[in-house]
PDB file of N, CA and C in Angstrom:
ATOM      1  N   UNK A   1      36.529 -18.937  -7.822  1.00  0.00           N
ATOM      2  CA  UNK A   1      35.201 -18.149  -7.572  1.00  0.00           C
ATOM      3  C   UNK A   1      34.486 -18.744  -6.380  1.00  0.00           C
ATOM      4  N   UNK A   2      34.035 -18.146  -5.509  1.00  0.00           N
ATOM      5  CA  UNK A   2      33.297 -18.562  -4.177  1.00  0.00           C
ATOM      6  C   UNK A   2      31.780 -18.906  -4.691  1.00  0.00           C
ATOM      7  N   UNK A   3      31.294 -20.089  -4.174  1.00  0.00           N
ATOM      8  CA  UNK A   3      29.772 -20.299  -4.309  1.00  0.00           C
ATOM      9  C   UNK A   3      29.009 -19.308  -3.513  1.00  0.00           C
ATOM     10  N   UNK A   4      27.868 -18.820  -4.073  1.00  0.00           N
ATOM     11  CA  UNK A   4      26.997 -17.935  -3.358  1.00  0.00           C
ATOM     12  C   UNK A   4      26.076 -18.741  -2.460  1.00  0.00           C
ATOM     13  N   UNK A   5      25.968 -18.403  -1.052  1.00  0.00           N
ATOM     14  CA  UNK A   5      25.195 -19.130  -0.202  1.00  0.00           C
ATOM     15  C   UNK A   5      23.913 -18.338   0.035  1.00  0.00           C
ATOM     16  N   UNK A   6      22.920 -18.970   0.705  1.00  0.00           N
ATOM     17  CA  UNK A   6      21.675 -18.321   0.907  1.00  0.00           C
ATOM     18  C   UNK A   6      21.874 -17.087   1.619  1.00  0.00           C
ATOM     19  N   UNK A   7      22.723 -17.120   2.628  1.00  0.00           N
ATOM     20  CA  UNK A   7      23.042 -15.906   3.351  1.00  0.00           C
ATOM     21  C   UNK A   7      23.497 -14.687   2.497  1.00  0.00           C
ATOM     22  N   UNK A   8      24.391 -15.015   1.514  1.00  0.00           N
ATOM     23  CA  UNK A   8      24.988 -14.036   0.570  1.00  0.00           C
ATOM     24  C   UNK A   8      23.926 -13.402  -0.289  1.00  0.00           C
ATOM     25  N   UNK A   9      23.032 -14.254  -0.792  1.00  0.00           N
ATOM     26  CA  UNK A   9      21.817 -13.823  -1.583  1.00  0.00           C
ATOM     27  C   UNK A   9      20.935 -12.894  -0.822  1.00  0.00           C
ATOM     28  N   UNK A  10      20.710 -13.362   0.384  1.00  0.00           N
ATOM     29  CA  UNK A  10      19.702 -12.598   1.231  1.00  0.00           C
ATOM     30  C   UNK A  10      20.362 -11.114   1.503  1.00  0.00           C
ATOM     31  N   UNK A  11      21.577 -11.209   1.825  1.00  0.00           N
ATOM     32  CA  UNK A  11      22.185  -9.917   2.060  1.00  0.00           C
ATOM     33  C   UNK A  11      22.203  -8.907   0.832  1.00  0.00           C
ATOM     34  N   UNK A  12      22.511  -9.687  -0.313  1.00  0.00           N
ATOM     35  CA  UNK A  12      22.460  -8.806  -1.538  1.00  0.00           C
ATOM     36  C   UNK A  12      21.220  -8.285  -1.821  1.00  0.00           C
ATOM     37  N   UNK A  13      20.115  -9.108  -1.648  1.00  0.00           N
ATOM     38  CA  UNK A  13      18.676  -8.572  -1.916  1.00  0.00           C
ATOM     39  C   UNK A  13      18.430  -7.558  -0.898  1.00  0.00           C
ATOM     40  N   UNK A  14      18.775  -7.628   0.293  1.00  0.00           N
ATOM     41  CA  UNK A  14      18.438  -6.640   1.314  1.00  0.00           C
ATOM     42  C   UNK A  14      19.297  -5.349   1.012  1.00  0.00           C
ATOM     43  N   UNK A  15      20.460  -5.371   0.579  1.00  0.00           N
ATOM     44  CA  UNK A  15      21.215  -4.163   0.343  1.00  0.00           C
ATOM     45  C   UNK A  15      20.553  -3.481  -0.948  1.00  0.00           C
ATOM     46  N   UNK A  16      20.258  -4.344  -1.942  1.00  0.00           N
ATOM     47  CA  UNK A  16      19.506  -3.690  -3.104  1.00  0.00           C
ATOM     48  C   UNK A  16      18.371  -2.832  -2.663  1.00  0.00           C
ATOM     49  N   UNK A  17      17.453  -3.507  -1.885  1.00  0.00           N
ATOM     50  CA  UNK A  17      16.079  -2.880  -1.467  1.00  0.00           C
ATOM     51  C   UNK A  17      16.531  -1.603  -0.665  1.00  0.00           C
ATOM     52  N   UNK A  18      17.496  -1.693   0.332  1.00  0.00           N
ATOM     53  CA  UNK A  18      17.803  -0.571   1.151  1.00  0.00           C
ATOM     54  C   UNK A  18      18.505   0.576   0.249  1.00  0.00           C
ATOM     55  N   UNK A  19      19.393   0.179  -0.639  1.00  0.00           N
ATOM     56  CA  UNK A  19      20.134   1.171  -1.521  1.00  0.00           C
ATOM     57  C   UNK A  19      19.173   2.024  -2.503  1.00  0.00           C
ATOM     58  N   UNK A  20      18.195   1.182  -2.921  1.00  0.00           N
ATOM     59  CA  UNK A  20      17.178   1.923  -3.710  1.00  0.00           C
ATOM     60  C   UNK A  20      16.002   2.329  -3.086  1.00  0.00           C
ATOM     61  N   UNK A  21      15.853   2.427  -1.860  1.00  0.00           N
ATOM     62  CA  UNK A  21      14.803   2.947  -0.908  1.00  0.00           C
ATOM     63  C   UNK A  21      13.546   2.268  -1.149  1.00  0.00           C
ATOM     64  N   UNK A  22      13.510   0.965  -1.503  1.00  0.00           N
ATOM     65  CA  UNK A  22      12.291   0.282  -1.863  1.00  0.00           C
ATOM     66  C   UNK A  22      11.688  -0.323  -0.672  1.00  0.00           C
ATOM     67  N   UNK A  23      12.342  -0.382   0.443  1.00  0.00           N
ATOM     68  CA  UNK A  23      11.648  -0.927   1.744  1.00  0.00           C
ATOM     69  C   UNK A  23      12.262  -0.297   2.848  1.00  0.00           C
ATOM     70  N   UNK A  24      11.624  -0.334   4.035  1.00  0.00           N
ATOM     71  CA  UNK A  24      12.136   0.238   5.317  1.00  0.00           C
ATOM     72  C   UNK A  24      12.874  -0.923   6.010  1.00  0.00           C
ATOM     73  N   UNK A  25      13.591  -0.577   6.984  1.00  0.00           N
ATOM     74  CA  UNK A  25      14.394  -1.477   7.783  1.00  0.00           C
ATOM     75  C   UNK A  25      13.584  -2.668   8.210  1.00  0.00           C
ATOM     76  N   UNK A  26      12.299  -2.333   8.802  1.00  0.00           N
ATOM     77  CA  UNK A  26      11.510  -3.287   9.249  1.00  0.00           C
ATOM     78  C   UNK A  26      11.015  -4.271   8.229  1.00  0.00           C
ATOM     79  N   UNK A  27      10.574  -3.782   7.071  1.00  0.00           N
ATOM     80  CA  UNK A  27      10.204  -4.542   5.952  1.00  0.00           C
ATOM     81  C   UNK A  27      11.271  -5.621   5.561  1.00  0.00           C
ATOM     82  N   UNK A  28      12.483  -4.986   5.423  1.00  0.00           N
ATOM     83  CA  UNK A  28      13.574  -5.789   5.049  1.00  0.00           C
ATOM     84  C   UNK A  28      13.856  -6.871   6.023  1.00  0.00           C
ATOM     85  N   UNK A  29      13.835  -6.597   7.308  1.00  0.00           N
ATOM     86  CA  UNK A  29      14.111  -7.539   8.353  1.00  0.00           C
ATOM     87  C   UNK A  29      13.065  -8.658   8.337  1.00  0.00           C
ATOM     88  N   UNK A  30      11.857  -8.151   8.085  1.00  0.00           N
ATOM     89  CA  UNK A  30      10.709  -9.260   7.964  1.00  0.00           C
ATOM     90  C   UNK A  30      10.918 -10.209   6.871  1.00  0.00           C
ATOM     91  N   UNK A  31      11.349  -9.625   5.620  1.00  0.00           N
ATOM     92  CA  UNK A  31      11.402 -10.388   4.509  1.00  0.00           C
ATOM     93  C   UNK A  31      12.783 -11.373   4.541  1.00  0.00           C
ATOM     94  N   UNK A  32      13.759 -10.747   5.114  1.00  0.00           N
ATOM     95  CA  UNK A  32      14.991 -11.627   5.091  1.00  0.00           C
ATOM     96  C   UNK A  32      15.156 -12.495   6.381  1.00  0.00           C
ATOM     97  N   UNK A  33      14.268 -12.368   7.351  1.00  0.00           N
ATOM     98  CA  UNK A  33      14.367 -13.232   8.579  1.00  0.00           C
ATOM     99  C   UNK A  33      15.530 -12.743   9.463  1.00  0.00           C
ATOM    100  N   UNK A  34      16.069 -11.539   9.252  1.00  0.00           N
ATOM    101  CA  UNK A  34      17.119 -11.022  10.146  1.00  0.00           C
ATOM    102  C   UNK A  34      16.594 -10.004  11.001  1.00  0.00           C
ATOM    103  N   UNK A  35      17.477  -9.615  12.011  1.00  0.00           N
ATOM    104  CA  UNK A  35      16.977  -8.680  13.130  1.00  0.00           C
ATOM    105  C   UNK A  35      17.072  -7.202  12.378  1.00  0.00           C
ATOM    106  N   UNK A  36      16.173  -6.436  12.996  1.00  0.00           N
ATOM    107  CA  UNK A  36      16.355  -4.916  12.521  1.00  0.00           C
ATOM    108  C   UNK A  36      17.720  -4.307  12.844  1.00  0.00           C
ATOM    109  N   UNK A  37      18.300  -4.764  13.901  1.00  0.00           N
ATOM    110  CA  UNK A  37      19.629  -4.166  14.249  1.00  0.00           C
ATOM    111  C   UNK A  37      20.601  -4.500  13.069  1.00  0.00           C
ATOM    112  N   UNK A  38      20.650  -5.655  12.643  1.00  0.00           N
ATOM    113  CA  UNK A  38      21.617  -6.120  11.647  1.00  0.00           C
ATOM    114  C   UNK A  38      21.200  -5.385  10.290  1.00  0.00           C
ATOM    115  N   UNK A  39      20.010  -5.239  10.040  1.00  0.00           N
ATOM    116  CA  UNK A  39      19.558  -4.503   8.762  1.00  0.00           C
ATOM    117  C   UNK A  39      20.001  -3.135   8.820  1.00  0.00           C
ATOM    118  N   UNK A  40      19.918  -2.447   9.993  1.00  0.00           N
ATOM    119  CA  UNK A  40      20.508  -1.047  10.146  1.00  0.00           C
ATOM    120  C   UNK A  40      21.831  -0.956   9.916  1.00  0.00           C
ATOM    121  N   UNK A  41      22.611  -1.934  10.345  1.00  0.00           N
ATOM    122  CA  UNK A  41      24.107  -1.955  10.166  1.00  0.00           C
ATOM    123  C   UNK A  41      24.357  -1.970   8.778  1.00  0.00           C
ATOM    124  N   UNK A  42      23.687  -3.031   7.953  1.00  0.00           N
ATOM    125  CA  UNK A  42      23.796  -2.980   6.478  1.00  0.00           C
ATOM    126  C   UNK A  42      23.366  -1.688   5.925  1.00  0.00           C
ATOM    127  N   UNK A  43      22.356  -1.152   6.244  1.00  0.00           N
ATOM    128  CA  UNK A  43      21.725   0.021   5.731  1.00  0.00           C
ATOM    129  C   UNK A  43      22.747   1.247   5.747  1.00  0.00           C
ATOM    130  N   UNK A  44      23.395   1.319   6.895  1.00  0.00           N
ATOM    131  CA  UNK A  44      24.368   2.493   6.943  1.00  0.00           C
ATOM    132  C   UNK A  44      25.448   2.426   5.930  1.00  0.00           C
ATOM    133  N   UNK A  45      25.747   1.239   5.453  1.00  0.00           N
ATOM    134  CA  UNK A  45      26.765   1.052   4.288  1.00  0.00           C
ATOM    135  C   UNK A  45      26.308   1.654   3.078  1.00  0.00           C
ATOM    136  N   UNK A  46      25.067   1.749   2.854  1.00  0.00           N
ATOM    137  CA  UNK A  46      24.532   2.179   1.526  1.00  0.00           C
ATOM    138  C   UNK A  46      23.742   3.460   1.669  1.00  0.00           C
ATOM    139  N   UNK A  47      23.753   4.002   2.695  1.00  0.00           N
ATOM    140  CA  UNK A  47      22.989   5.309   3.006  1.00  0.00           C
ATOM    141  C   UNK A  47      21.534   5.153   2.854  1.00  0.00           C
ATOM    142  N   UNK A  48      20.982   4.196   3.450  1.00  0.00           N
ATOM    143  CA  UNK A  48      19.585   3.754   3.294  1.00  0.00           C
ATOM    144  C   UNK A  48      18.567   4.800   3.571  1.00  0.00           C
ATOM    145  N   UNK A  49      18.729   5.592   4.832  1.00  0.00           N
ATOM    146  CA  UNK A  49      17.785   6.621   5.124  1.00  0.00           C
ATOM    147  C   UNK A  49      17.651   7.724   3.947  1.00  0.00           C
ATOM    148  N   UNK A  50      18.675   8.122   3.427  1.00  0.00           N
ATOM    149  CA  UNK A  50      18.625   9.072   2.152  1.00  0.00           C
ATOM    150  C   UNK A  50      18.005   8.491   1.118  1.00  0.00           C
ATOM    151  N   UNK A  51      18.375   7.323   0.715  1.00  0.00           N
ATOM    152  CA  UNK A  51      17.805   6.543  -0.440  1.00  0.00           C
ATOM    153  C   UNK A  51      16.260   6.357  -0.236  1.00  0.00           C
ATOM    154  N   UNK A  52      15.678   6.103   0.952  1.00  0.00           N
ATOM    155  CA  UNK A  52      14.268   5.952   1.194  1.00  0.00           C
ATOM    156  C   UNK A  52      13.722   7.102   1.033  1.00  0.00           C
ATOM    157  N   UNK A  53      14.306   8.282   1.596  1.00  0.00           N
ATOM    158  CA  UNK A  53      13.661   9.683   1.500  1.00  0.00           C
ATOM    159  C   UNK A  53      13.394   9.964  -0.007  1.00  0.00           C
ATOM    160  N   UNK A  54      14.540   9.768  -0.755  1.00  0.00           N
ATOM    161  CA  UNK A  54      14.565  10.038  -2.296  1.00  0.00           C
ATOM    162  C   UNK A  54      13.473   9.221  -2.977  1.00  0.00           C
ATOM    163  N   UNK A  55      13.370   8.030  -2.624  1.00  0.00           N
ATOM    164  CA  UNK A  55      12.337   7.183  -3.241  1.00  0.00           C
ATOM    165  C   UNK A  55      11.024   7.699  -2.985  1.00  0.00           C
ATOM    166  N   UNK A  56      10.716   7.890  -1.715  1.00  0.00           N
ATOM    167  CA  UNK A  56       9.373   8.376  -1.320  1.00  0.00           C
ATOM    168  C   UNK A  56       9.043   9.705  -1.851  1.00  0.00           C
ATOM    169  N   UNK A  57       9.945  10.674  -1.997  1.00  0.00           N
ATOM    170  CA  UNK A  57       9.675  11.853  -2.592  1.00  0.00           C
ATOM    171  C   UNK A  57       9.320  11.728  -4.148  1.00  0.00           C
ATOM    172  N   UNK A  58      10.050  10.860  -4.894  1.00  0.00           N
ATOM    173  CA  UNK A  58       9.826  10.603  -6.185  1.00  0.00           C
ATOM    174  C   UNK A  58       8.420   9.963  -6.391  1.00  0.00           C
ATOM    175  N   UNK A  59       7.906   9.057  -5.529  1.00  0.00           N
ATOM    176  CA  UNK A  59       6.589   8.459  -5.684  1.00  0.00           C
ATOM    177  C   UNK A  59       5.698   9.511  -5.254  1.00  0.00           C
ATOM    178  N   UNK A  60       5.878  10.403  -4.308  1.00  0.00           N
ATOM    179  CA  UNK A  60       4.865  11.400  -3.917  1.00  0.00           C
ATOM    180  C   UNK A  60       4.678  12.404  -5.198  1.00  0.00           C
ATOM    181  N   UNK A  61       5.834  12.800  -5.615  1.00  0.00           N
ATOM    182  CA  UNK A  61       5.721  13.799  -6.900  1.00  0.00           C
ATOM    183  C   UNK A  61       5.008  13.197  -8.002  1.00  0.00           C
ATOM    184  N   UNK A  62       5.323  11.855  -8.388  1.00  0.00           N
ATOM    185  CA  UNK A  62       4.625  11.258  -9.490  1.00  0.00           C
ATOM    186  C   UNK A  62       3.139  11.109  -9.238  1.00  0.00           C
ATOM    187  N   UNK A  63       2.789  10.827  -8.028  1.00  0.00           N
ATOM    188  CA  UNK A  63       1.245  10.588  -7.586  1.00  0.00           C
ATOM    189  C   UNK A  63       0.537  12.068  -7.688  1.00  0.00           C
ATOM    190  N   UNK A  64       1.369  13.111  -7.260  1.00  0.00           N
ATOM    191  CA  UNK A  64       0.616  14.397  -7.311  1.00  0.00           C
ATOM    192  C   UNK A  64       0.461  14.915  -8.642  1.00  0.00           C
ATOM    193  N   UNK A  65       1.501  14.631  -9.513  1.00  0.00           N
ATOM    194  CA  UNK A  65       1.260  14.908 -10.990  1.00  0.00           C
ATOM    195  C   UNK A  65       0.092  14.125 -11.677  1.00  0.00           C
ATOM    196  N   UNK A  66      -0.109  12.845 -11.167  1.00  0.00           N
ATOM    197  CA  UNK A  66      -1.289  12.095 -11.840  1.00  0.00           C
ATOM    198  C   UNK A  66      -2.676  12.693 -11.446  1.00  0.00           C
ATOM    199  N   UNK A  67      -2.601  13.166 -10.113  1.00  0.00           N
ATOM    200  CA  UNK A  67      -3.931  13.738  -9.592  1.00  0.00           C
ATOM    201  C   UNK A  67      -4.322  15.018 -10.301  1.00  0.00           C
ATOM    202  N   UNK A  68      -3.435  15.758 -10.868  1.00  0.00           N
ATOM    203  CA  UNK A  68      -3.660  16.942 -11.303  1.00  0.00           C
ATOM    204  C   UNK A  68      -4.010  17.046 -12.814  1.00  0.00           C
TER     205      UNK A  68
END
């Protein structure tokens, strides 16, 4: 079994956030210390734009229910 390096853990955390729509490319790039271009490449593998859209829609729907 291979030892996990800091880079592996950073990439795993970035992919998790992108896959679940929890952060934008810019936010992930700032948090991970990587370029936005690299984050976009990683994001394409997990369909990040659609995930972000779904997450924001869920948050918006939840907020509108709480207001009514």
